Amino acid sequence: MTDTLPKGHPYKNKRARPVIETVPQLHVLAASDRNAGVAAQVGAGFVYAHFIRGNVAAGKAAVEAYRAAFQPTKLAAKPHVTVAVFVLVGENQEDAEEMARAFELWHVATHSRNRAVYYLPTPEKAAETTYTKEEEEILKETRRKVMYGTAEDVKQQLLELQTVYEADELLIIPNAYSIEKRKQTIALLAGK
């Protein structure tokens, strides 16, 4: 992207097309400090996948490693941190909790050896579900990965998360059980 490969590199004579005056913003999505180092080395932005790990301590370590190792390049002159998180916003607390229960069933199913993976199950399906002890442990982990509630509640949670990571921006993932609920999450949060 920047035509800066070293002499002798097999792709040194290759050129990206079309040739343009600017360089696109590049970001590396990662859930560990190992891949944060890749972003730092090439001078790309770093997107911490809080939605994968939900572990703030590990996330802060990854972000700090990225900032400490960042090398300015033609891609970027300074580090840029984004935190990506699952978000569900209900019209009220009850609506948000229904959305969260459906999300939790989906998440448990993606991590369970004994369940079929439902693609974003409904609250009704979640309500009739009984979890095993092993799945209850997965649920505890799940709750660290998603922010849900009313728009005001989620706004506060996101601002706290941004402060903890000292993030330049947040990337929300409205992983709700229907397109209408995804749109609702975005619209209600945008209103705050």
Protein backbone atom coordinates (compact mmCIF):
# COMPACT_ATOMS: atom_id res chain seq x y z
CA MET A 1 0.00 0.00 0.00
CA THR A 2 2.95 2.33 0.54
CA ASP A 3 5.50 0.97 -1.97
CA THR A 4 8.11 0.59 0.76
CA LEU A 5 9.12 -3.07 0.45
CA PRO A 6 12.86 -3.68 0.83
CA LYS A 7 15.12 -4.34 -2.14
CA GLY A 8 15.05 -8.03 -3.09
CA HIS A 9 11.52 -8.63 -1.74
CA PRO A 10 9.57 -10.85 -4.20
CA TYR A 11 6.80 -8.22 -4.48
CA LYS A 12 9.08 -5.16 -4.66
CA ASN A 13 8.21 -4.52 -8.32
CA LYS A 14 4.46 -5.00 -7.88
CA ARG A 15 2.22 -1.94 -7.63
CA ALA A 16 -1.25 -1.68 -6.17
CA ARG A 17 -3.77 -0.35 -8.67
CA PRO A 18 -5.19 2.14 -9.07
CA VAL A 19 -2.26 4.37 -8.12
CA ILE A 20 -3.64 7.10 -5.87
CA GLU A 21 -2.21 10.01 -3.90
CA THR A 22 -3.54 8.83 -0.53
CA VAL A 23 -3.16 5.68 1.50
CA PRO A 24 -6.30 4.05 2.94
CA GLN A 25 -6.60 3.77 6.71
CA LEU A 26 -5.62 0.26 7.72
CA HIS A 27 -6.52 -1.37 11.02
CA VAL A 28 -5.62 -4.72 12.53
CA LEU A 29 -8.38 -6.45 14.50
CA ALA A 30 -6.93 -8.50 17.34
CA ALA A 31 -7.74 -9.96 20.73
CA SER A 32 -4.18 -10.23 22.01
CA ASP A 33 -0.99 -8.26 22.42
CA ARG A 34 0.74 -10.55 19.89
CA ASN A 35 -1.32 -9.15 17.03
CA ALA A 36 -1.18 -5.68 18.55
CA GLY A 37 2.53 -5.89 17.77
CA VAL A 38 1.77 -6.54 14.11
CA ALA A 39 -0.37 -3.39 13.96
CA ALA A 40 2.34 -1.37 15.72
CA GLN A 41 5.10 -2.67 13.45
CA VAL A 42 3.34 -1.74 10.22
CA GLY A 43 1.96 1.54 11.59
CA ALA A 44 -1.70 0.52 11.28
CA GLY A 45 -4.57 1.32 13.60
CA PHE A 46 -5.37 -1.26 16.28
CA VAL A 47 -8.89 -2.56 16.91
CA TYR A 48 -9.11 -4.46 20.18
CA ALA A 49 -11.73 -7.20 19.94
CA HIS A 50 -13.38 -6.75 23.34
CA PHE A 51 -16.31 -8.70 21.88
CA ILE A 52 -14.08 -11.78 21.63
CA ARG A 53 -12.30 -11.72 24.98
CA GLY A 54 -14.25 -9.36 27.22
CA ASN A 55 -11.16 -9.21 29.39
CA VAL A 56 -10.32 -5.60 30.21
CA ALA A 57 -6.94 -6.41 31.78
CA ALA A 58 -5.82 -8.34 28.67
CA GLY A 59 -7.26 -5.60 26.47
CA LYS A 60 -5.42 -2.84 28.29
CA ALA A 61 -2.19 -4.83 28.04
CA ALA A 62 -2.70 -5.25 24.29
CA VAL A 63 -3.47 -1.56 23.79
CA GLU A 64 -0.47 -0.50 25.89
CA ALA A 65 1.82 -2.89 23.97
CA TYR A 66 0.52 -1.46 20.69
CA ARG A 67 1.09 2.15 21.75
CA ALA A 68 4.58 1.40 23.13
CA ALA A 69 5.72 -0.42 19.99
CA PHE A 70 4.00 1.80 17.39
CA GLN A 71 6.23 2.74 14.45
CA PRO A 72 5.10 5.72 12.37
CA THR A 73 4.84 4.86 8.69
CA LYS A 74 3.15 6.20 5.60
CA LEU A 75 0.01 4.48 6.93
CA ALA A 76 -0.18 6.57 10.08
CA ALA A 77 1.98 9.02 12.01
CA LYS A 78 0.58 8.08 15.42
CA PRO A 79 -1.22 5.15 17.06
CA HIS A 80 -4.99 4.88 16.77
CA VAL A 81 -6.97 2.60 19.11
CA THR A 82 -10.50 1.39 18.49
CA VAL A 83 -12.37 -0.94 20.83
CA ALA A 84 -15.02 -3.22 19.29
CA VAL A 85 -17.85 -4.39 21.55
CA PHE A 86 -21.23 -6.12 21.28
CA VAL A 87 -24.04 -3.66 22.08
CA LEU A 88 -27.80 -4.16 22.57
CA VAL A 89 -30.09 -1.23 23.30
CA GLY A 90 -33.70 -1.77 24.29
CA GLU A 91 -36.62 0.63 24.31
CA ASN A 92 -36.70 -0.11 28.04
CA GLN A 93 -34.81 -2.37 30.45
CA GLU A 94 -37.16 -5.32 29.89
CA ASP A 95 -36.67 -5.12 26.11
CA ALA A 96 -32.89 -4.94 26.57
CA GLU A 97 -32.89 -7.98 28.86
CA GLU A 98 -34.90 -10.00 26.32
CA MET A 99 -32.39 -9.08 23.64
CA ALA A 100 -29.53 -10.02 25.96
CA ARG A 101 -31.01 -13.43 26.79
CA ALA A 102 -31.32 -14.23 23.08
CA PHE A 103 -27.75 -13.04 22.53
CA GLU A 104 -26.56 -15.20 25.43
CA LEU A 105 -28.16 -18.33 23.96
CA TRP A 106 -26.45 -17.66 20.65
CA HIS A 107 -23.10 -17.11 22.37
CA VAL A 108 -23.42 -20.25 24.50
CA ALA A 109 -24.33 -22.28 21.41
CA THR A 110 -21.22 -21.04 19.59
CA HIS A 111 -19.08 -22.31 22.49
CA SER A 112 -20.91 -25.53 23.33
CA ARG A 113 -20.18 -29.02 22.08
CA ASN A 114 -23.75 -30.11 22.81
CA ARG A 115 -25.87 -27.41 21.19
CA ALA A 116 -26.73 -26.57 17.63
CA VAL A 117 -25.63 -23.06 16.77
CA TYR A 118 -28.75 -20.99 16.26
CA TYR A 119 -28.29 -17.92 14.18
CA LEU A 120 -29.44 -15.22 16.57
CA PRO A 121 -32.24 -17.08 18.36
CA THR A 122 -35.37 -15.28 19.49
CA PRO A 123 -36.16 -14.29 23.08
CA GLU A 124 -38.86 -16.98 23.04
CA LYS A 125 -36.29 -19.65 22.23
CA ALA A 126 -34.01 -18.27 24.96
CA ALA A 127 -36.85 -18.30 27.51
CA GLU A 128 -37.45 -22.01 27.02
CA THR A 129 -33.75 -22.88 27.32
CA THR A 130 -32.18 -24.56 30.33
CA TYR A 131 -28.40 -24.34 30.66
CA THR A 132 -25.95 -26.95 31.94
CA LYS A 133 -23.39 -26.07 34.63
CA GLU A 134 -20.72 -25.82 31.94
CA GLU A 135 -22.92 -23.44 29.94
CA GLU A 136 -23.57 -21.35 33.06
CA GLU A 137 -19.81 -20.74 33.17
CA ILE A 138 -19.87 -19.68 29.52
CA LEU A 139 -22.71 -17.26 30.37
CA LYS A 140 -20.54 -15.50 32.95
CA GLU A 141 -17.92 -14.93 30.27
CA THR A 142 -20.59 -13.83 27.80
CA ARG A 143 -21.86 -11.04 30.02
CA ARG A 144 -18.41 -9.40 29.99
CA LYS A 145 -18.50 -9.17 26.19
CA VAL A 146 -21.82 -7.39 25.66
CA MET A 147 -23.17 -4.07 26.85
CA TYR A 148 -26.92 -3.87 27.08
CA GLY A 149 -29.62 -1.75 28.62
CA THR A 150 -31.40 1.46 27.79
CA ALA A 151 -29.67 3.97 25.53
CA GLU A 152 -28.57 6.08 28.50
CA ASP A 153 -27.21 3.01 30.34
CA VAL A 154 -25.28 1.76 27.33
CA LYS A 155 -23.94 5.23 26.57
CA GLN A 156 -22.48 5.38 30.08
CA GLN A 157 -21.02 1.86 29.77
CA LEU A 158 -19.39 2.79 26.45
CA LEU A 159 -17.94 6.03 27.83
CA GLU A 160 -16.47 4.08 30.75
CA LEU A 161 -14.99 1.51 28.36
CA GLN A 162 -13.53 4.27 26.20
CA THR A 163 -11.93 5.83 29.28
CA VAL A 164 -10.48 2.53 30.51
CA TYR A 165 -8.83 1.84 27.15
CA GLU A 166 -8.14 5.51 26.35
CA ALA A 167 -9.66 4.61 22.98
CA ASP A 168 -9.78 7.01 20.07
CA GLU A 169 -13.05 5.46 18.97
CA LEU A 170 -15.51 2.67 19.65
CA LEU A 171 -16.92 0.22 17.15
CA ILE A 172 -20.31 -1.14 18.15
CA ILE A 173 -21.57 -4.51 17.01
CA PRO A 174 -25.37 -4.60 17.39
CA ASN A 175 -25.68 -8.39 17.35
CA ALA A 176 -29.42 -8.53 18.01
CA TYR A 177 -31.78 -11.31 16.98
CA SER A 178 -33.51 -9.36 14.19
CA ILE A 179 -32.67 -6.61 11.75
CA GLU A 180 -35.32 -4.44 13.42
CA LYS A 181 -33.63 -4.82 16.81
CA ARG A 182 -30.24 -4.07 15.26
CA LYS A 183 -31.63 -0.89 13.75
CA GLN A 184 -33.30 -0.05 17.06
CA THR A 185 -29.98 -0.41 18.89
CA ILE A 186 -28.22 1.94 16.49
CA ALA A 187 -31.07 4.49 16.38
CA LEU A 188 -31.56 4.65 20.15
CA LEU A 189 -27.86 4.91 20.83
CA ALA A 190 -27.40 7.55 18.12
CA GLY A 191 -30.08 9.62 19.87
CA LYS A 192 -27.86 9.87 22.95
